Amino acid sequence: MSRSRVDDYLARAAALEPLIRAHAARSERESRLAPEIADALHDAGLYRIMVPESLGGGGLTIPESLRVFERVAQADASAGWNLAICADGPLFGQFVAREAFEEIYADPRGIVVGSLNPMGTRAVPCEGGWRLSGRGAYLSGNAQASWVMVAGLVIRDGKPSFPNGAPEIRAALLPIRHCKFEDTWNVTGMRGTGSHDCTFEEVFVPESFTYSWPDPVPSWDTGPFGRIPLTTQLGGALASVAIGATQHVLDAFAELAGAKVPLGSRGLLRERPFAQTHLAEATGLVRAGRLYVREANDEVWRRGAAGEPFDLESRASARLASVTAVRLCLRAVDLIHDVAGMNAIQQGNDVERGWRDLHTMSQHVILGTTRFEVVGRIMLGLEPNSPMI
């Protein structure tokens, strides 16, 4: 993919910023991405940046896609998160059959969202495929989706299957029409992602639309996407959303500081050393996180392209970059929240919403502080004790 193609997508993302900001409040209010934003992302081709060019997509690499996710998140965190989740759907495509993947993305508006927590869902083998019943949790972007990816504990002969002592888990893609969504996304931040739960009962899924989880084996893609562990492919996208959302907060504060005269002061906020030092430190933290994530994902892609194996240490290194970047972003927005004064607690203010958004997204399982423990165990020569590295 040429640099000019990436720049083209970045230009499209930048051009959408006024529209995204204009409808961000509606996204938050309605607990789903505003239809105007979703339609604009579709029209700009941003939902399909990871779809192969042979199917009319952008064919971007993982490192290239991170820049696009960050740019959209700079306009609005929920829009950036929605894009990252929906546009990353094709990453799962190398694990289902090729014909299944092509069926999904032959639709120009084909979008996959998912929840791969198997607790509460059962997968029962049957002739030609599987029957799934249960619940999918935190399905970001479901208002735009046409397919839902879920995982369930395999039930054989009426009992959960535990080959070699570990639970057998099957992931499956099912048309969204089989899902009943509930209004469950009542949260502090990231409300515009619309990450509601769904339920489904006795849905038949052909074998070609399923794969083993949590260590799936590619069924057809022999390129970098098929060589890089799936959980390693994720994380960088969500960390990039955090970086873009934090940059939004910094930009909002710079604008505020140039207009606000703090109570008890005769000068603008920007003239106070307190504001200057906090903004400078926050900016340094964000820039450090951005460089760390990009460097780590460049290495992930290089290793995948070269066909080099991914051992525990290389996977832990990639995860450490994502989690650390989010910690740096949290520190940055806390600094800005501290110096912004009463503006930082007024609902609808960009600093206030950005602070809520960052602290909410940091609770995602692949961005949370529990990943430090997993990485630390690997560094000390111990087993990770978690399938999510």
Protein backbone atom coordinates (compact mmCIF):
# COMPACT_ATOMS: atom_id res chain seq x y z
CA MET A 1 0.00 0.00 0.00
CA SER A 2 1.52 3.30 -1.04
CA ARG A 3 1.91 6.16 1.37
CA SER A 4 -0.33 8.30 -0.84
CA ARG A 5 -3.24 5.85 -0.32
CA VAL A 6 -2.90 6.14 3.44
CA ASP A 7 -2.73 9.91 3.17
CA ASP A 8 -5.92 9.79 1.12
CA TYR A 9 -7.77 8.01 3.93
CA LEU A 10 -6.33 10.41 6.48
CA ALA A 11 -7.56 13.32 4.38
CA ARG A 12 -11.03 11.75 4.23
CA ALA A 13 -11.00 11.34 8.01
CA ALA A 14 -9.93 14.95 8.52
CA ALA A 15 -12.66 16.19 6.19
CA LEU A 16 -15.28 14.47 8.36
CA GLU A 17 -14.20 16.19 11.58
CA PRO A 18 -16.75 19.05 11.46
CA LEU A 19 -19.62 16.64 10.84
CA ILE A 20 -18.47 14.22 13.55
CA ARG A 21 -18.14 16.99 16.12
CA ALA A 22 -21.52 18.44 15.16
CA HIS A 23 -23.27 15.15 15.92
CA ALA A 24 -21.12 13.86 18.81
CA ALA A 25 -23.57 15.10 21.43
CA ARG A 26 -26.40 13.20 19.72
CA SER A 27 -24.30 10.02 19.81
CA GLU A 28 -23.83 10.42 23.55
CA ARG A 29 -27.44 11.34 24.19
CA GLU A 30 -28.89 8.40 22.22
CA SER A 31 -26.24 5.88 23.31
CA ARG A 32 -25.38 4.93 19.75
CA LEU A 33 -23.30 6.46 16.99
CA ALA A 34 -25.34 9.17 15.28
CA PRO A 35 -26.60 7.88 11.90
CA GLU A 36 -25.10 10.95 10.18
CA ILE A 37 -21.64 9.94 11.39
CA ALA A 38 -22.09 6.29 10.47
CA ASP A 39 -23.28 7.19 6.97
CA ALA A 40 -20.35 9.57 6.50
CA LEU A 41 -17.86 6.89 7.56
CA HIS A 42 -19.47 4.50 5.06
CA ASP A 43 -19.46 7.06 2.27
CA ALA A 44 -15.79 7.84 2.89
CA GLY A 45 -14.91 4.13 2.72
CA LEU A 46 -13.40 4.21 6.21
CA TYR A 47 -15.26 1.15 7.48
CA ARG A 48 -13.58 -0.88 4.72
CA ILE A 49 -9.95 0.16 5.09
CA MET A 50 -8.99 -3.36 6.23
CA VAL A 51 -11.00 -5.16 3.55
CA PRO A 52 -8.76 -6.53 0.75
CA GLU A 53 -8.56 -4.43 -2.39
CA SER A 54 -9.87 -7.41 -4.35
CA LEU A 55 -13.20 -6.89 -2.58
CA GLY A 56 -13.18 -3.14 -3.06
CA GLY A 57 -11.56 -2.27 0.26
CA GLY A 58 -8.56 -0.21 1.22
CA GLY A 59 -6.22 -3.11 1.94
CA LEU A 60 -4.35 -1.17 4.62
CA THR A 61 -1.83 -2.82 6.91
CA ILE A 62 -2.27 -2.78 10.67
CA PRO A 63 0.25 0.08 11.22
CA GLU A 64 -1.42 2.13 8.50
CA SER A 65 -4.88 1.63 9.93
CA LEU A 66 -3.84 2.93 13.36
CA ARG A 67 -3.24 6.38 11.96
CA VAL A 68 -6.75 6.51 10.50
CA PHE A 69 -8.36 5.37 13.78
CA GLU A 70 -6.41 7.98 15.71
CA ARG A 71 -7.43 10.74 13.31
CA VAL A 72 -11.13 9.97 13.63
CA ALA A 73 -10.86 9.69 17.42
CA GLN A 74 -9.32 13.15 17.44
CA ALA A 75 -12.75 14.38 16.33
CA ASP A 76 -14.71 12.20 18.78
CA ALA A 77 -13.71 9.24 20.96
CA SER A 78 -16.89 7.22 20.37
CA ALA A 79 -16.65 7.69 16.60
CA GLY A 80 -13.02 6.57 16.64
CA TRP A 81 -13.82 3.54 18.77
CA ASN A 82 -16.77 2.60 16.58
CA LEU A 83 -14.59 2.83 13.49
CA ALA A 84 -11.77 0.78 15.03
CA ILE A 85 -14.15 -1.99 16.11
CA CYS A 86 -16.11 -2.12 12.86
CA ALA A 87 -13.17 -1.64 10.48
CA ASP A 88 -11.15 -4.33 12.28
CA GLY A 89 -13.81 -6.96 11.55
CA PRO A 90 -11.85 -8.34 8.58
CA LEU A 91 -8.99 -9.29 10.95
CA PHE A 92 -11.13 -12.22 12.03
CA GLY A 93 -11.80 -13.18 8.42
CA GLN A 94 -8.77 -15.40 7.93
CA PHE A 95 -10.18 -17.87 10.47
CA VAL A 96 -13.55 -18.54 8.82
CA ALA A 97 -13.73 -20.12 5.38
CA ARG A 98 -12.79 -17.92 2.44
CA GLU A 99 -16.29 -18.15 0.97
CA ALA A 100 -17.78 -16.99 4.28
CA PHE A 101 -15.44 -14.01 4.38
CA GLU A 102 -16.30 -13.06 0.80
CA GLU A 103 -20.03 -13.36 1.47
CA ILE A 104 -19.79 -10.95 4.39
CA TYR A 105 -17.70 -8.31 2.62
CA ALA A 106 -19.30 -8.57 -0.81
CA ASP A 107 -21.91 -6.35 0.82
CA PRO A 108 -20.49 -2.79 0.58
CA ARG A 109 -21.98 -2.11 4.01
CA GLY A 110 -21.00 -5.43 5.54
CA ILE A 111 -19.78 -4.89 9.11
CA VAL A 112 -18.85 -7.40 11.80
CA VAL A 113 -18.92 -6.58 15.51
CA GLY A 114 -18.35 -9.05 18.27
CA SER A 115 -18.06 -10.30 21.79
CA LEU A 116 -15.73 -13.22 22.37
CA ASN A 117 -16.41 -13.80 26.05
CA PRO A 118 -17.78 -17.37 26.07
CA MET A 119 -19.38 -17.19 29.51
CA GLY A 120 -23.14 -17.44 29.22
CA THR A 121 -23.13 -18.81 25.66
CA ARG A 122 -23.26 -22.45 24.56
CA ALA A 123 -22.24 -23.91 21.21
CA VAL A 124 -23.66 -27.34 20.35
CA PRO A 125 -22.32 -29.24 17.33
CA CYS A 126 -24.92 -30.41 14.83
CA GLU A 127 -25.05 -31.63 11.26
CA GLY A 128 -23.34 -29.08 9.02
CA GLY A 129 -22.39 -26.68 11.77
CA TRP A 130 -23.28 -25.46 15.23
CA ARG A 131 -26.25 -24.18 17.22
CA LEU A 132 -25.57 -21.24 19.49
CA SER A 133 -27.63 -19.78 22.32
CA GLY A 134 -26.71 -17.17 24.87
CA ARG A 135 -25.63 -13.58 25.27
CA GLY A 136 -23.10 -11.29 23.64
CA ALA A 137 -21.87 -8.45 25.85
CA TYR A 138 -20.58 -4.96 25.07
CA LEU A 139 -21.18 -5.07 21.32
CA SER A 140 -19.76 -1.72 20.24
CA GLY A 141 -21.04 -0.52 16.88
CA ASN A 142 -23.96 -2.91 16.70
CA ALA A 143 -26.24 -0.20 15.27
CA GLN A 144 -24.12 -0.26 12.10
CA ALA A 145 -23.42 -4.00 12.00
CA SER A 146 -24.79 -6.68 9.73
CA TRP A 147 -23.02 -9.61 11.44
CA VAL A 148 -22.28 -10.47 15.07
CA MET A 149 -19.34 -12.57 16.22
CA VAL A 150 -19.80 -14.51 19.44
CA ALA A 151 -18.01 -17.31 21.28
CA GLY A 152 -19.51 -20.10 23.32
CA LEU A 153 -18.51 -23.04 25.48
CA VAL A 154 -18.82 -26.23 23.44
CA ILE A 155 -21.43 -28.64 24.78
CA ARG A 156 -21.01 -32.31 23.87
CA ASP A 157 -23.39 -35.01 25.11
CA GLY A 158 -25.11 -32.43 27.28
CA LYS A 159 -21.96 -31.38 29.14
CA PRO A 160 -19.25 -28.71 28.65
CA SER A 161 -16.28 -30.09 26.75
CA PHE A 162 -12.84 -29.93 28.40
CA PRO A 163 -10.29 -31.61 26.13
CA ASN A 164 -6.88 -31.71 27.81
CA GLY A 165 -8.37 -29.99 30.84
CA ALA A 166 -9.14 -26.70 29.08
CA PRO A 167 -12.62 -25.58 27.99
CA GLU A 168 -13.41 -26.05 24.30
CA ILE A 169 -14.64 -22.77 22.82
CA ARG A 170 -16.17 -22.10 19.41
CA ALA A 171 -16.50 -18.67 17.83
CA ALA A 172 -19.16 -18.04 15.22
CA LEU A 173 -20.46 -15.31 12.93
CA LEU A 174 -24.22 -14.97 12.71
CA PRO A 175 -26.45 -12.47 10.88
CA ILE A 176 -27.53 -9.68 13.19
CA ARG A 177 -31.20 -10.39 12.49
CA HIS A 178 -30.91 -13.36 14.86
CA CYS A 179 -29.96 -11.12 17.78
CA LYS A 180 -32.22 -9.28 20.18
CA PHE A 181 -30.52 -6.19 21.62
CA GLU A 182 -31.13 -4.84 25.09
CA ASP A 183 -30.59 -1.31 26.40
CA THR A 184 -27.65 -2.15 28.69
CA TRP A 185 -25.01 0.47 27.82
CA ASN A 186 -25.62 2.83 30.74
CA VAL A 187 -22.11 4.05 31.48
CA THR A 188 -20.04 7.07 32.42
CA GLY A 189 -18.12 7.57 29.18
CA MET A 190 -17.95 6.32 25.58
CA ARG A 191 -21.75 6.38 25.48
CA GLY A 192 -21.81 7.01 21.75
CA THR A 193 -20.35 3.57 21.01
CA GLY A 194 -23.74 2.02 21.81
CA SER A 195 -22.09 -1.09 23.27
CA HIS A 196 -25.31 -2.86 24.21
CA ASP A 197 -25.76 -6.58 24.94
CA CYS A 198 -27.70 -9.01 22.80
CA THR A 199 -29.28 -12.43 23.21
CA PHE A 200 -29.82 -15.20 20.66
CA GLU A 201 -31.47 -18.61 20.83
CA GLU A 202 -30.79 -21.80 18.90
CA VAL A 203 -29.18 -20.06 15.94
CA PHE A 204 -27.75 -22.44 13.36
CA VAL A 205 -24.33 -21.36 12.07
CA PRO A 206 -22.68 -23.28 9.21
CA GLU A 207 -19.27 -24.74 9.98
CA SER A 208 -17.67 -22.37 7.44
CA PHE A 209 -18.69 -19.38 9.57
CA THR A 210 -17.02 -20.69 12.76
CA TYR A 211 -13.54 -21.19 14.18
CA SER A 212 -11.79 -22.36 17.35
CA TRP A 213 -11.08 -19.77 20.05
CA PRO A 214 -8.92 -18.33 21.68
CA ASP A 215 -6.03 -19.51 19.49
CA PRO A 216 -7.60 -19.75 16.02
CA VAL A 217 -5.70 -21.11 13.06
CA PRO A 218 -5.94 -19.29 9.69
CA SER A 219 -7.96 -21.22 7.14
CA TRP A 220 -6.86 -19.35 4.02
CA ASP A 221 -4.81 -16.17 4.62
CA THR A 222 -1.09 -17.00 4.49
CA GLY A 223 0.07 -13.38 4.58
CA PRO A 224 0.87 -11.24 7.64
CA PHE A 225 -2.75 -11.20 8.83
CA GLY A 226 -2.70 -14.99 8.96
CA ARG A 227 0.67 -15.17 10.72
CA ILE A 228 0.11 -12.61 13.47
CA PRO A 229 -1.80 -13.96 16.51
CA LEU A 230 -5.27 -12.46 16.54
CA THR A 231 -5.04 -10.97 20.02
CA THR A 232 -1.76 -9.34 18.99
CA GLN A 233 -3.46 -7.72 16.01
CA LEU A 234 -5.93 -6.09 18.36
CA GLY A 235 -5.04 -3.56 21.01
CA GLY A 236 -3.02 -1.21 18.87
CA ALA A 237 -6.22 0.03 17.25
CA LEU A 238 -7.92 0.74 20.57
CA ALA A 239 -4.79 2.35 22.00
CA SER A 240 -4.67 4.60 18.95
CA VAL A 241 -8.24 5.65 19.66
CA ALA A 242 -7.15 6.61 23.17
CA ILE A 243 -4.29 8.66 21.75
CA GLY A 244 -6.55 10.49 19.31
CA ALA A 245 -9.17 11.14 22.01
CA THR A 246 -6.50 12.54 24.33
CA GLN A 247 -5.23 14.81 21.59
CA HIS A 248 -8.79 16.11 21.29
CA VAL A 249 -8.71 17.03 24.98
CA LEU A 250 -5.37 18.82 24.59
CA ASP A 251 -6.65 20.80 21.61
CA ALA A 252 -9.82 21.71 23.50
CA PHE A 253 -7.82 22.90 26.47
CA ALA A 254 -5.53 25.05 24.34
CA GLU A 255 -8.62 26.76 22.94
CA LEU A 256 -10.09 27.17 26.41
CA ALA A 257 -6.86 28.58 27.83
CA GLY A 258 -6.82 31.26 25.16
CA ALA A 259 -10.28 32.49 26.13
CA LYS A 260 -10.76 31.83 29.85
CA VAL A 261 -9.91 34.33 32.58
CA PRO A 262 -9.82 32.27 35.80
CA LEU A 263 -11.67 33.56 38.85
CA GLY A 264 -9.41 35.83 40.85
CA SER A 265 -7.06 36.42 37.92
CA ARG A 266 -6.61 39.37 35.57
CA GLY A 267 -4.98 37.40 32.78
CA LEU A 268 -5.93 34.53 30.52
CA LEU A 269 -5.47 30.96 31.67
CA ARG A 270 -2.76 30.43 29.06
CA GLU A 271 -0.59 33.02 30.85
CA ARG A 272 -0.40 31.00 34.06
CA PRO A 273 2.63 28.72 34.60
CA PHE A 274 0.27 26.08 36.01
CA ALA A 275 -1.49 25.81 32.64
CA GLN A 276 1.72 25.94 30.64
CA THR A 277 3.48 23.17 32.54
CA HIS A 278 0.46 20.88 32.62
CA LEU A 279 -0.18 21.22 28.89
CA ALA A 280 3.48 20.66 28.05
CA GLU A 281 3.72 17.56 30.23
CA ALA A 282 0.45 16.16 28.88
CA THR A 283 1.60 16.73 25.30
CA GLY A 284 4.86 14.91 25.98
CA LEU A 285 3.00 11.95 27.43
CA VAL A 286 0.70 11.67 24.41
CA ARG A 287 3.57 11.93 21.95
CA ALA A 288 5.50 9.24 23.83
CA GLY A 289 2.48 6.92 23.79
CA ARG A 290 1.91 7.51 20.09
CA LEU A 291 5.50 6.69 19.16
CA TYR A 292 5.55 3.61 21.39
CA VAL A 293 2.37 2.17 19.87
CA ARG A 294 3.46 2.86 16.31
CA GLU A 295 6.92 1.41 16.86
CA ALA A 296 5.50 -1.74 18.47
CA ASN A 297 2.97 -2.30 15.68
CA ASP A 298 5.58 -1.68 13.01
CA GLU A 299 7.55 -4.51 14.60
CA VAL A 300 4.47 -6.75 14.77
CA TRP A 301 3.82 -6.21 11.08
CA ARG A 302 7.49 -6.70 10.16
CA ARG A 303 7.58 -9.98 12.05
CA GLY A 304 4.35 -11.16 10.45
CA ALA A 305 5.48 -10.18 6.95
CA ALA A 306 8.79 -12.01 7.46
CA GLY A 307 7.04 -15.12 8.78
CA GLU A 308 8.90 -14.98 12.08
CA PRO A 309 7.25 -16.82 14.97
CA PHE A 310 5.45 -14.95 17.72
CA ASP A 311 6.65 -16.26 21.07
CA LEU A 312 5.29 -15.12 24.41
CA GLU A 313 7.91 -12.38 24.70
CA SER A 314 7.06 -10.79 21.34
CA ARG A 315 3.34 -10.90 22.09
CA ALA A 316 3.90 -9.41 25.53
CA SER A 317 5.99 -6.64 24.01
CA ALA A 318 3.14 -5.61 21.71
CA ARG A 319 0.59 -5.69 24.53
CA LEU A 320 2.85 -3.66 26.82
CA ALA A 321 2.95 -0.84 24.27
CA SER A 322 -0.83 -0.57 24.06
CA VAL A 323 -1.45 -0.70 27.79
CA THR A 324 1.37 1.72 28.57
CA ALA A 325 0.15 4.22 25.98
CA VAL A 326 -3.30 4.22 27.58
CA ARG A 327 -1.78 4.80 31.03
CA LEU A 328 0.11 7.78 29.59
CA CYS A 329 -3.10 9.10 28.06
CA LEU A 330 -4.90 8.80 31.39
CA ARG A 331 -2.15 10.77 33.09
CA ALA A 332 -2.39 13.41 30.36
CA VAL A 333 -6.16 13.91 30.66
CA ASP A 334 -5.89 13.98 34.45
CA LEU A 335 -3.39 16.83 34.15
CA ILE A 336 -5.73 18.76 31.87
CA HIS A 337 -8.74 18.00 34.05
CA ASP A 338 -6.85 19.43 37.01
CA VAL A 339 -5.92 22.70 35.33
CA ALA A 340 -9.18 23.31 33.44
CA GLY A 341 -11.06 24.23 36.61
CA MET A 342 -14.85 24.26 36.62
CA ASN A 343 -14.92 23.68 32.86
CA ALA A 344 -13.64 20.15 33.53
CA ILE A 345 -16.86 19.20 35.33
CA GLN A 346 -19.45 20.89 33.14
CA GLN A 347 -21.38 18.33 31.11
CA GLY A 348 -20.90 18.68 27.38
CA ASN A 349 -17.53 20.37 27.72
CA ASP A 350 -14.89 18.65 25.57
CA VAL A 351 -12.49 18.33 28.51
CA GLU A 352 -15.18 16.82 30.73
CA ARG A 353 -16.40 14.34 28.10
CA GLY A 354 -12.87 13.45 27.05
CA TRP A 355 -11.89 12.71 30.64
CA ARG A 356 -14.90 10.40 31.03
CA ASP A 357 -14.25 8.72 27.71
CA LEU A 358 -10.59 7.95 28.46
CA HIS A 359 -11.29 6.53 31.89
CA THR A 360 -14.05 4.36 30.44
CA MET A 361 -12.08 2.93 27.52
CA SER A 362 -9.16 2.12 29.83
CA GLN A 363 -11.36 -0.58 31.41
CA HIS A 364 -11.41 -2.67 28.23
CA VAL A 365 -9.91 -6.09 28.88
CA ILE A 366 -7.00 -5.66 26.45
CA LEU A 367 -6.18 -2.14 27.67
CA GLY A 368 -6.69 -2.57 31.42
CA THR A 369 -4.02 -2.71 34.10
CA THR A 370 -4.50 -6.46 34.50
CA ARG A 371 -2.49 -6.86 31.28
CA PHE A 372 0.56 -5.53 33.14
CA GLU A 373 0.37 -8.60 35.38
CA VAL A 374 0.26 -10.92 32.38
CA VAL A 375 3.20 -9.17 30.73
CA GLY A 376 5.14 -9.12 33.99
CA ARG A 377 4.66 -12.86 34.48
CA ILE A 378 6.08 -13.50 31.02
CA MET A 379 9.03 -11.20 31.74
CA LEU A 380 9.77 -13.23 34.88
CA GLY A 381 9.69 -16.54 33.04
CA LEU A 382 6.25 -17.61 34.28
CA GLU A 383 3.22 -18.80 32.37
CA PRO A 384 0.87 -15.91 31.50
CA ASN A 385 -2.12 -17.54 33.21
CA SER A 386 -4.37 -15.86 30.67
CA PRO A 387 -5.31 -16.56 27.04
CA MET A 388 -5.49 -12.80 26.48
CA ILE A 389 -1.87 -11.69 26.16
